[in-house]
Amino acid sequence: MEFTFTDHAKYRIIKRDLTEQEIIESLTHADKTSKKHGKYYAQKNIGRGTIEIVYEKTESYIKVITVYWI
């Protein structure tokens, strides 16, 4: 599975003091996932708090759209 990040997601990852690796691990081991309005949402507690990742997915890739603390 290939992971890609929008420019917006890359900016938010840096702004929120996260790494792309933390996002990938959070997606592959999410505490909770859901789908709303055609987008997927994953939540993961990473010790410093809980993040939510908004993404699109197909059989071959996941595209991260944004990331935020909840």
N, C-alpha and C. Protein backbone atom coordinates (compact mmCIF):
# COMPACT_ATOMS: atom_id res chain seq x y z
N MET A 1 0.85 -1.18 0.00
CA MET A 1 0.00 0.00 0.00
C MET A 1 0.90 1.24 0.00
N GLU A 2 0.63 2.13 -0.92
CA GLU A 2 1.38 3.38 -1.01
C GLU A 2 0.65 4.47 -0.23
N PHE A 3 1.40 5.27 0.50
CA PHE A 3 0.86 6.41 1.24
C PHE A 3 1.34 7.69 0.59
N THR A 4 0.39 8.59 0.29
CA THR A 4 0.75 9.90 -0.24
C THR A 4 0.12 10.97 0.67
N PHE A 5 0.69 12.16 0.62
CA PHE A 5 0.25 13.25 1.47
C PHE A 5 0.03 14.49 0.62
N THR A 6 -1.12 15.13 0.79
CA THR A 6 -1.34 16.40 0.10
C THR A 6 -0.39 17.44 0.70
N ASP A 7 -0.19 18.53 -0.02
CA ASP A 7 0.64 19.62 0.51
C ASP A 7 0.04 20.14 1.82
N HIS A 8 -1.27 20.21 1.87
CA HIS A 8 -1.94 20.67 3.09
C HIS A 8 -1.63 19.73 4.26
N ALA A 9 -1.71 18.42 4.02
CA ALA A 9 -1.41 17.45 5.08
C ALA A 9 0.03 17.56 5.54
N LYS A 10 0.96 17.73 4.60
CA LYS A 10 2.38 17.88 4.97
C LYS A 10 2.57 19.11 5.85
N TYR A 11 1.91 20.20 5.50
CA TYR A 11 2.00 21.43 6.30
C TYR A 11 1.45 21.20 7.70
N ARG A 12 0.29 20.56 7.80
CA ARG A 12 -0.33 20.31 9.10
C ARG A 12 0.49 19.35 9.96
N ILE A 13 1.12 18.37 9.34
CA ILE A 13 1.97 17.44 10.08
C ILE A 13 3.12 18.19 10.73
N ILE A 14 3.77 19.05 9.98
CA ILE A 14 4.88 19.85 10.52
C ILE A 14 4.37 20.79 11.60
N LYS A 15 3.28 21.49 11.32
CA LYS A 15 2.72 22.48 12.26
C LYS A 15 2.32 21.83 13.58
N ARG A 16 1.90 20.58 13.54
CA ARG A 16 1.44 19.88 14.74
C ARG A 16 2.53 19.01 15.37
N ASP A 17 3.77 19.21 14.92
CA ASP A 17 4.93 18.50 15.48
C ASP A 17 4.76 16.98 15.42
N LEU A 18 4.31 16.51 14.25
CA LEU A 18 4.15 15.08 13.99
C LEU A 18 5.11 14.68 12.88
N THR A 19 5.16 13.39 12.59
CA THR A 19 5.96 12.89 11.46
C THR A 19 5.06 12.08 10.53
N GLU A 20 5.49 11.95 9.29
CA GLU A 20 4.74 11.13 8.34
C GLU A 20 4.70 9.68 8.83
N GLN A 21 5.77 9.22 9.45
CA GLN A 21 5.81 7.85 9.97
C GLN A 21 4.75 7.65 11.07
N GLU A 22 4.58 8.64 11.94
CA GLU A 22 3.53 8.55 12.97
C GLU A 22 2.15 8.45 12.32
N ILE A 23 1.96 9.17 11.23
CA ILE A 23 0.67 9.15 10.55
C ILE A 23 0.44 7.78 9.91
N ILE A 24 1.45 7.24 9.26
CA ILE A 24 1.32 5.92 8.63
C ILE A 24 1.02 4.86 9.69
N GLU A 25 1.76 4.89 10.80
CA GLU A 25 1.51 3.92 11.88
C GLU A 25 0.11 4.10 12.47
N SER A 26 -0.33 5.34 12.58
CA SER A 26 -1.68 5.60 13.11
C SER A 26 -2.75 5.08 12.17
N LEU A 27 -2.52 5.17 10.88
CA LEU A 27 -3.49 4.66 9.91
C LEU A 27 -3.53 3.14 9.92
N THR A 28 -2.38 2.51 10.05
CA THR A 28 -2.34 1.05 10.00
C THR A 28 -2.77 0.41 11.32
N HIS A 29 -2.75 1.17 12.41
CA HIS A 29 -3.15 0.66 13.73
C HIS A 29 -4.13 1.62 14.41
N ALA A 30 -5.11 2.09 13.69
CA ALA A 30 -6.06 3.08 14.21
C ALA A 30 -6.89 2.51 15.35
N ASP A 31 -7.21 3.39 16.31
CA ASP A 31 -8.11 3.00 17.40
C ASP A 31 -9.55 2.99 16.93
N LYS A 32 -9.88 3.86 15.98
CA LYS A 32 -11.25 3.99 15.49
C LYS A 32 -11.21 4.51 14.05
N THR A 33 -12.07 3.96 13.20
CA THR A 33 -12.17 4.45 11.82
C THR A 33 -13.65 4.63 11.47
N SER A 34 -13.90 5.56 10.56
CA SER A 34 -15.26 5.78 10.08
C SER A 34 -15.19 6.37 8.68
N LYS A 35 -16.35 6.41 8.03
CA LYS A 35 -16.44 7.01 6.70
C LYS A 35 -17.62 7.96 6.70
N LYS A 36 -17.34 9.22 6.29
CA LYS A 36 -18.39 10.23 6.20
C LYS A 36 -18.18 11.05 4.94
N HIS A 37 -19.25 11.29 4.22
CA HIS A 37 -19.20 12.17 3.05
C HIS A 37 -18.11 11.76 2.05
N GLY A 38 -17.89 10.46 1.89
CA GLY A 38 -16.92 9.98 0.92
C GLY A 38 -15.48 10.01 1.37
N LYS A 39 -15.22 10.44 2.60
CA LYS A 39 -13.86 10.49 3.14
C LYS A 39 -13.76 9.52 4.32
N TYR A 40 -12.57 9.02 4.55
CA TYR A 40 -12.32 8.15 5.69
C TYR A 40 -11.67 8.95 6.81
N TYR A 41 -11.97 8.55 8.05
CA TYR A 41 -11.43 9.20 9.23
C TYR A 41 -10.84 8.13 10.14
N ALA A 42 -9.64 8.36 10.62
CA ALA A 42 -8.99 7.44 11.55
C ALA A 42 -8.55 8.22 12.78
N GLN A 43 -8.78 7.63 13.95
CA GLN A 43 -8.33 8.24 15.19
C GLN A 43 -7.33 7.32 15.86
N LYS A 44 -6.31 7.94 16.47
CA LYS A 44 -5.29 7.17 17.17
C LYS A 44 -4.73 7.99 18.31
N ASN A 45 -4.67 7.38 19.50
CA ASN A 45 -3.99 8.01 20.62
C ASN A 45 -2.52 7.66 20.49
N ILE A 46 -1.68 8.70 20.38
CA ILE A 46 -0.25 8.47 20.18
C ILE A 46 0.57 8.83 21.41
N GLY A 47 -0.08 8.88 22.57
CA GLY A 47 0.63 9.16 23.81
C GLY A 47 0.60 10.62 24.19
N ARG A 48 0.85 11.49 23.24
CA ARG A 48 0.80 12.94 23.49
C ARG A 48 -0.61 13.48 23.36
N GLY A 49 -1.51 12.65 22.86
CA GLY A 49 -2.89 13.03 22.62
C GLY A 49 -3.45 12.19 21.49
N THR A 50 -4.66 12.52 21.08
CA THR A 50 -5.33 11.77 20.01
C THR A 50 -5.37 12.62 18.75
N ILE A 51 -4.98 11.99 17.65
CA ILE A 51 -5.05 12.66 16.36
C ILE A 51 -6.16 12.05 15.52
N GLU A 52 -6.69 12.86 14.62
CA GLU A 52 -7.64 12.36 13.62
C GLU A 52 -7.05 12.65 12.26
N ILE A 53 -7.11 11.66 11.40
CA ILE A 53 -6.55 11.74 10.06
C ILE A 53 -7.69 11.60 9.07
N VAL A 54 -7.78 12.53 8.15
CA VAL A 54 -8.79 12.47 7.09
C VAL A 54 -8.07 12.02 5.83
N TYR A 55 -8.61 10.99 5.16
CA TYR A 55 -7.91 10.43 4.00
C TYR A 55 -8.87 9.83 2.99
N GLU A 56 -8.35 9.60 1.80
CA GLU A 56 -9.05 8.87 0.74
C GLU A 56 -8.26 7.59 0.52
N LYS A 57 -8.95 6.54 0.10
CA LYS A 57 -8.22 5.31 -0.17
C LYS A 57 -8.80 4.55 -1.35
N THR A 58 -7.90 3.83 -2.00
CA THR A 58 -8.27 2.89 -3.06
C THR A 58 -7.60 1.57 -2.70
N GLU A 59 -7.65 0.62 -3.59
CA GLU A 59 -6.99 -0.66 -3.33
C GLU A 59 -5.47 -0.52 -3.31
N SER A 60 -4.93 0.50 -3.99
CA SER A 60 -3.48 0.60 -4.12
C SER A 60 -2.83 1.73 -3.33
N TYR A 61 -3.60 2.71 -2.86
CA TYR A 61 -2.97 3.81 -2.14
C TYR A 61 -3.91 4.45 -1.12
N ILE A 62 -3.30 5.16 -0.18
CA ILE A 62 -4.01 6.01 0.77
C ILE A 62 -3.44 7.40 0.61
N LYS A 63 -4.34 8.39 0.41
CA LYS A 63 -3.92 9.78 0.29
C LYS A 63 -4.41 10.53 1.52
N VAL A 64 -3.45 11.02 2.33
CA VAL A 64 -3.78 11.76 3.54
C VAL A 64 -4.12 13.19 3.14
N ILE A 65 -5.28 13.66 3.59
CA ILE A 65 -5.77 15.00 3.25
C ILE A 65 -5.42 16.01 4.33
N THR A 66 -5.67 15.64 5.59
CA THR A 66 -5.32 16.53 6.70
C THR A 66 -5.20 15.73 7.99
N VAL A 67 -4.60 16.35 8.98
CA VAL A 67 -4.39 15.73 10.29
C VAL A 67 -4.61 16.80 11.35
N TYR A 68 -5.29 16.43 12.44
CA TYR A 68 -5.48 17.39 13.52
C TYR A 68 -5.62 16.66 14.85
N TRP A 69 -5.33 17.40 15.93
CA TRP A 69 -5.51 16.90 17.30
C TRP A 69 -6.98 17.01 17.67
N ILE A 70 -7.48 16.00 18.39
CA ILE A 70 -8.87 16.09 18.89
C ILE A 70 -8.88 15.93 20.40
